[in-house]
């Protein structure tokens, strides 16, 4: 993690994420390295997010508990926020508040059959997620620009 983190700082990335299951000591060490490298290279510190539970995981009654526990861990180690399914964004926002950035992947304009099981529509994260991650509806579309417009329109509704 340390080498990749230093490269990311050197490249000047704006957002960097780590899987929170790596554990507090690894995450703290990575963050410490990023801060030192940013200072040394005189680069802006990227937004640091922790990945909670993948959107490919099957929805269960225990996932939200795990997501909230991991989101709290992200804040404790000094991360800015989390990458969490839109299915969890509302619970994170309601229980942790605005002191955490939420980026929600698995955004879909329609039901699809793929490996992502915990997907939501753009409107489902409005007011909860700070960022959305909507790769497939755009790059798999015959009209990527139209897909982007549809996503943005639904976020505005």
Protein backbone atom coordinates (compact mmCIF):
# COMPACT_ATOMS: atom_id res chain seq x y z
CA UNK A 1 0.00 0.00 0.00
CA UNK A 2 2.81 2.39 0.82
CA UNK A 3 4.43 2.30 -2.62
CA UNK A 4 1.18 2.76 -4.47
CA UNK A 5 0.23 5.60 -2.14
CA UNK A 6 3.48 7.42 -2.76
CA UNK A 7 3.04 7.05 -6.52
CA UNK A 8 -0.48 8.43 -6.25
CA UNK A 9 0.83 11.47 -4.38
CA UNK A 10 3.54 11.96 -7.00
CA UNK A 11 0.92 11.83 -9.77
CA UNK A 12 -1.17 14.41 -7.93
CA UNK A 13 -4.35 12.34 -7.63
CA UNK A 14 -7.35 14.09 -6.10
CA UNK A 15 -8.95 11.07 -4.42
CA UNK A 16 -7.34 7.90 -3.11
CA UNK A 17 -9.06 4.92 -1.52
CA UNK A 18 -8.05 1.93 0.57
CA UNK A 19 -10.02 -1.13 1.60
CA UNK A 20 -10.89 -0.68 5.27
CA UNK A 21 -10.54 -4.39 5.95
CA UNK A 22 -6.77 -3.84 5.79
CA UNK A 23 -7.14 -2.80 9.43
CA UNK A 24 -6.39 0.32 11.46
CA UNK A 25 -2.62 -0.11 11.73
CA UNK A 26 -2.12 -0.53 7.96
CA UNK A 27 -4.49 2.32 7.19
CA UNK A 28 -2.85 4.65 9.71
CA UNK A 29 0.58 3.84 8.30
CA UNK A 30 -0.62 4.49 4.74
CA UNK A 31 -2.15 7.81 5.76
CA UNK A 32 1.01 8.84 7.59
CA UNK A 33 3.07 8.04 4.47
CA UNK A 34 0.71 10.00 2.23
CA UNK A 35 0.88 13.05 4.50
CA UNK A 36 4.68 12.94 4.63
CA UNK A 37 4.97 12.50 0.87
CA UNK A 38 2.51 15.33 0.22
CA UNK A 39 4.47 17.68 2.45
CA UNK A 40 7.83 16.62 1.01
CA UNK A 41 6.67 16.95 -2.60
CA UNK A 42 4.66 20.10 -1.85
CA UNK A 43 1.55 18.43 -3.27
CA UNK A 44 -2.01 18.83 -2.07
CA UNK A 45 -3.17 16.02 0.15
CA UNK A 46 -5.72 13.91 -1.74
CA UNK A 47 -9.13 13.11 -0.30
CA UNK A 48 -8.65 9.75 1.42
CA UNK A 49 -11.58 7.33 1.36
CA UNK A 50 -12.00 3.87 2.82
CA UNK A 51 -13.89 1.16 0.94
CA UNK A 52 -16.49 -0.45 3.21
CA UNK A 53 -18.34 -3.45 1.73
CA UNK A 54 -18.21 -4.10 -2.00
CA UNK A 55 -21.36 -3.62 -4.05
CA UNK A 56 -20.85 -7.15 -5.39
CA UNK A 57 -21.59 -8.60 -1.95
CA UNK A 58 -25.02 -10.08 -1.40
CA UNK A 59 -27.27 -7.82 0.68
CA UNK A 60 -27.80 -9.26 4.16
CA UNK A 61 -29.01 -8.11 7.55
CA UNK A 62 -25.43 -7.81 8.85
CA UNK A 63 -23.94 -5.74 6.02
CA UNK A 64 -25.19 -2.39 7.29
CA UNK A 65 -23.73 -3.09 10.74
CA UNK A 66 -20.37 -3.88 9.11
CA UNK A 67 -20.53 -0.79 6.90
CA UNK A 68 -21.22 1.52 9.84
CA UNK A 69 -18.45 -0.06 11.89
CA UNK A 70 -16.01 0.39 9.00
CA UNK A 71 -17.16 3.97 8.37
CA UNK A 72 -16.46 4.85 12.01
CA UNK A 73 -13.06 3.16 11.69
CA UNK A 74 -12.30 5.31 8.63
CA UNK A 75 -12.88 8.47 10.65
CA UNK A 76 -10.89 7.18 13.63
CA UNK A 77 -7.78 6.59 11.50
CA UNK A 78 -8.12 10.04 9.92
CA UNK A 79 -9.70 9.30 6.56
CA UNK A 80 -12.01 11.87 4.98
CA UNK A 81 -14.76 9.43 4.16
CA UNK A 82 -15.88 6.16 2.65
CA UNK A 83 -16.83 4.39 -0.53
CA UNK A 84 -20.14 2.73 0.31
CA UNK A 85 -23.09 1.39 -1.62
CA UNK A 86 -26.00 3.74 -2.07
CA UNK A 87 -27.94 1.18 -0.06
CA UNK A 88 -25.83 2.25 2.93
CA UNK A 89 -25.40 5.98 2.25
CA UNK A 90 -28.54 7.05 4.10
CA UNK A 91 -27.66 5.08 7.24
CA UNK A 92 -24.10 6.43 7.25
CA UNK A 93 -25.30 10.01 6.83
CA UNK A 94 -27.99 9.65 9.51
CA UNK A 95 -25.73 7.97 12.08
CA UNK A 96 -22.40 9.71 11.42
CA UNK A 97 -23.56 13.01 9.96
CA UNK A 98 -21.86 15.46 7.65
CA UNK A 99 -18.34 14.97 9.01
CA UNK A 100 -17.83 12.11 6.54
CA UNK A 101 -17.59 12.14 2.74
CA UNK A 102 -19.61 9.39 1.06
CA UNK A 103 -18.87 8.17 -2.48
CA UNK A 104 -21.44 5.66 -3.70
CA UNK A 105 -20.67 3.16 -6.47
CA UNK A 106 -23.09 0.81 -8.16
CA UNK A 107 -25.24 3.57 -9.63
CA UNK A 108 -27.62 2.19 -12.27
CA UNK A 109 -30.30 3.78 -14.44
CA UNK A 110 -32.14 0.49 -14.76
CA UNK A 111 -32.04 -3.01 -13.34
CA UNK A 112 -29.17 -4.99 -14.80
CA UNK A 113 -27.85 -8.49 -14.48
CA UNK A 114 -24.19 -8.19 -13.60
CA UNK A 115 -21.91 -8.93 -10.68
CA UNK A 116 -23.06 -5.86 -8.74
CA UNK A 117 -25.83 -6.84 -6.33
CA UNK A 118 -26.16 -3.74 -4.14
CA UNK A 119 -26.98 -1.14 -6.78
CA UNK A 120 -29.25 1.91 -6.63
CA UNK A 121 -30.62 4.60 -8.90
CA UNK A 122 -29.07 8.09 -8.78
CA UNK A 123 -32.13 9.50 -6.98
CA UNK A 124 -31.65 6.99 -4.14
CA UNK A 125 -28.41 8.66 -2.99
CA UNK A 126 -29.48 12.27 -3.50
CA UNK A 127 -28.95 14.10 -0.23
CA UNK A 128 -26.77 11.33 1.20
CA UNK A 129 -23.79 10.71 -1.10
CA UNK A 130 -21.30 13.46 -1.88
CA UNK A 131 -20.03 11.65 -4.97
CA UNK A 132 -21.47 8.95 -7.19
CA UNK A 133 -19.50 6.34 -9.10
CA UNK A 134 -21.38 5.43 -12.26
CA UNK A 135 -19.02 3.66 -14.61
CA UNK A 136 -21.00 0.89 -16.28
CA UNK A 137 -24.16 2.82 -17.17
CA UNK A 138 -21.88 5.22 -19.05
CA UNK A 139 -19.25 3.05 -20.69
CA UNK A 140 -21.68 0.24 -21.57
CA UNK A 141 -24.20 2.66 -23.10
CA UNK A 142 -24.61 3.10 -26.84
CA UNK A 143 -24.98 6.79 -25.96
CA UNK A 144 -22.55 7.58 -23.10
CA UNK A 145 -23.32 11.31 -23.19
CA UNK A 146 -27.04 10.55 -22.95
CA UNK A 147 -26.40 8.26 -19.98
CA UNK A 148 -24.52 11.04 -18.19
CA UNK A 149 -27.34 13.49 -18.89
CA UNK A 150 -29.90 10.97 -17.59
CA UNK A 151 -27.91 10.44 -14.39
CA UNK A 152 -27.55 14.18 -13.81
CA UNK A 153 -31.21 14.82 -14.58
CA UNK A 154 -32.27 12.19 -12.06
CA UNK A 155 -30.00 13.70 -9.42
CA UNK A 156 -31.66 17.10 -9.99
CA UNK A 157 -35.26 15.82 -9.72
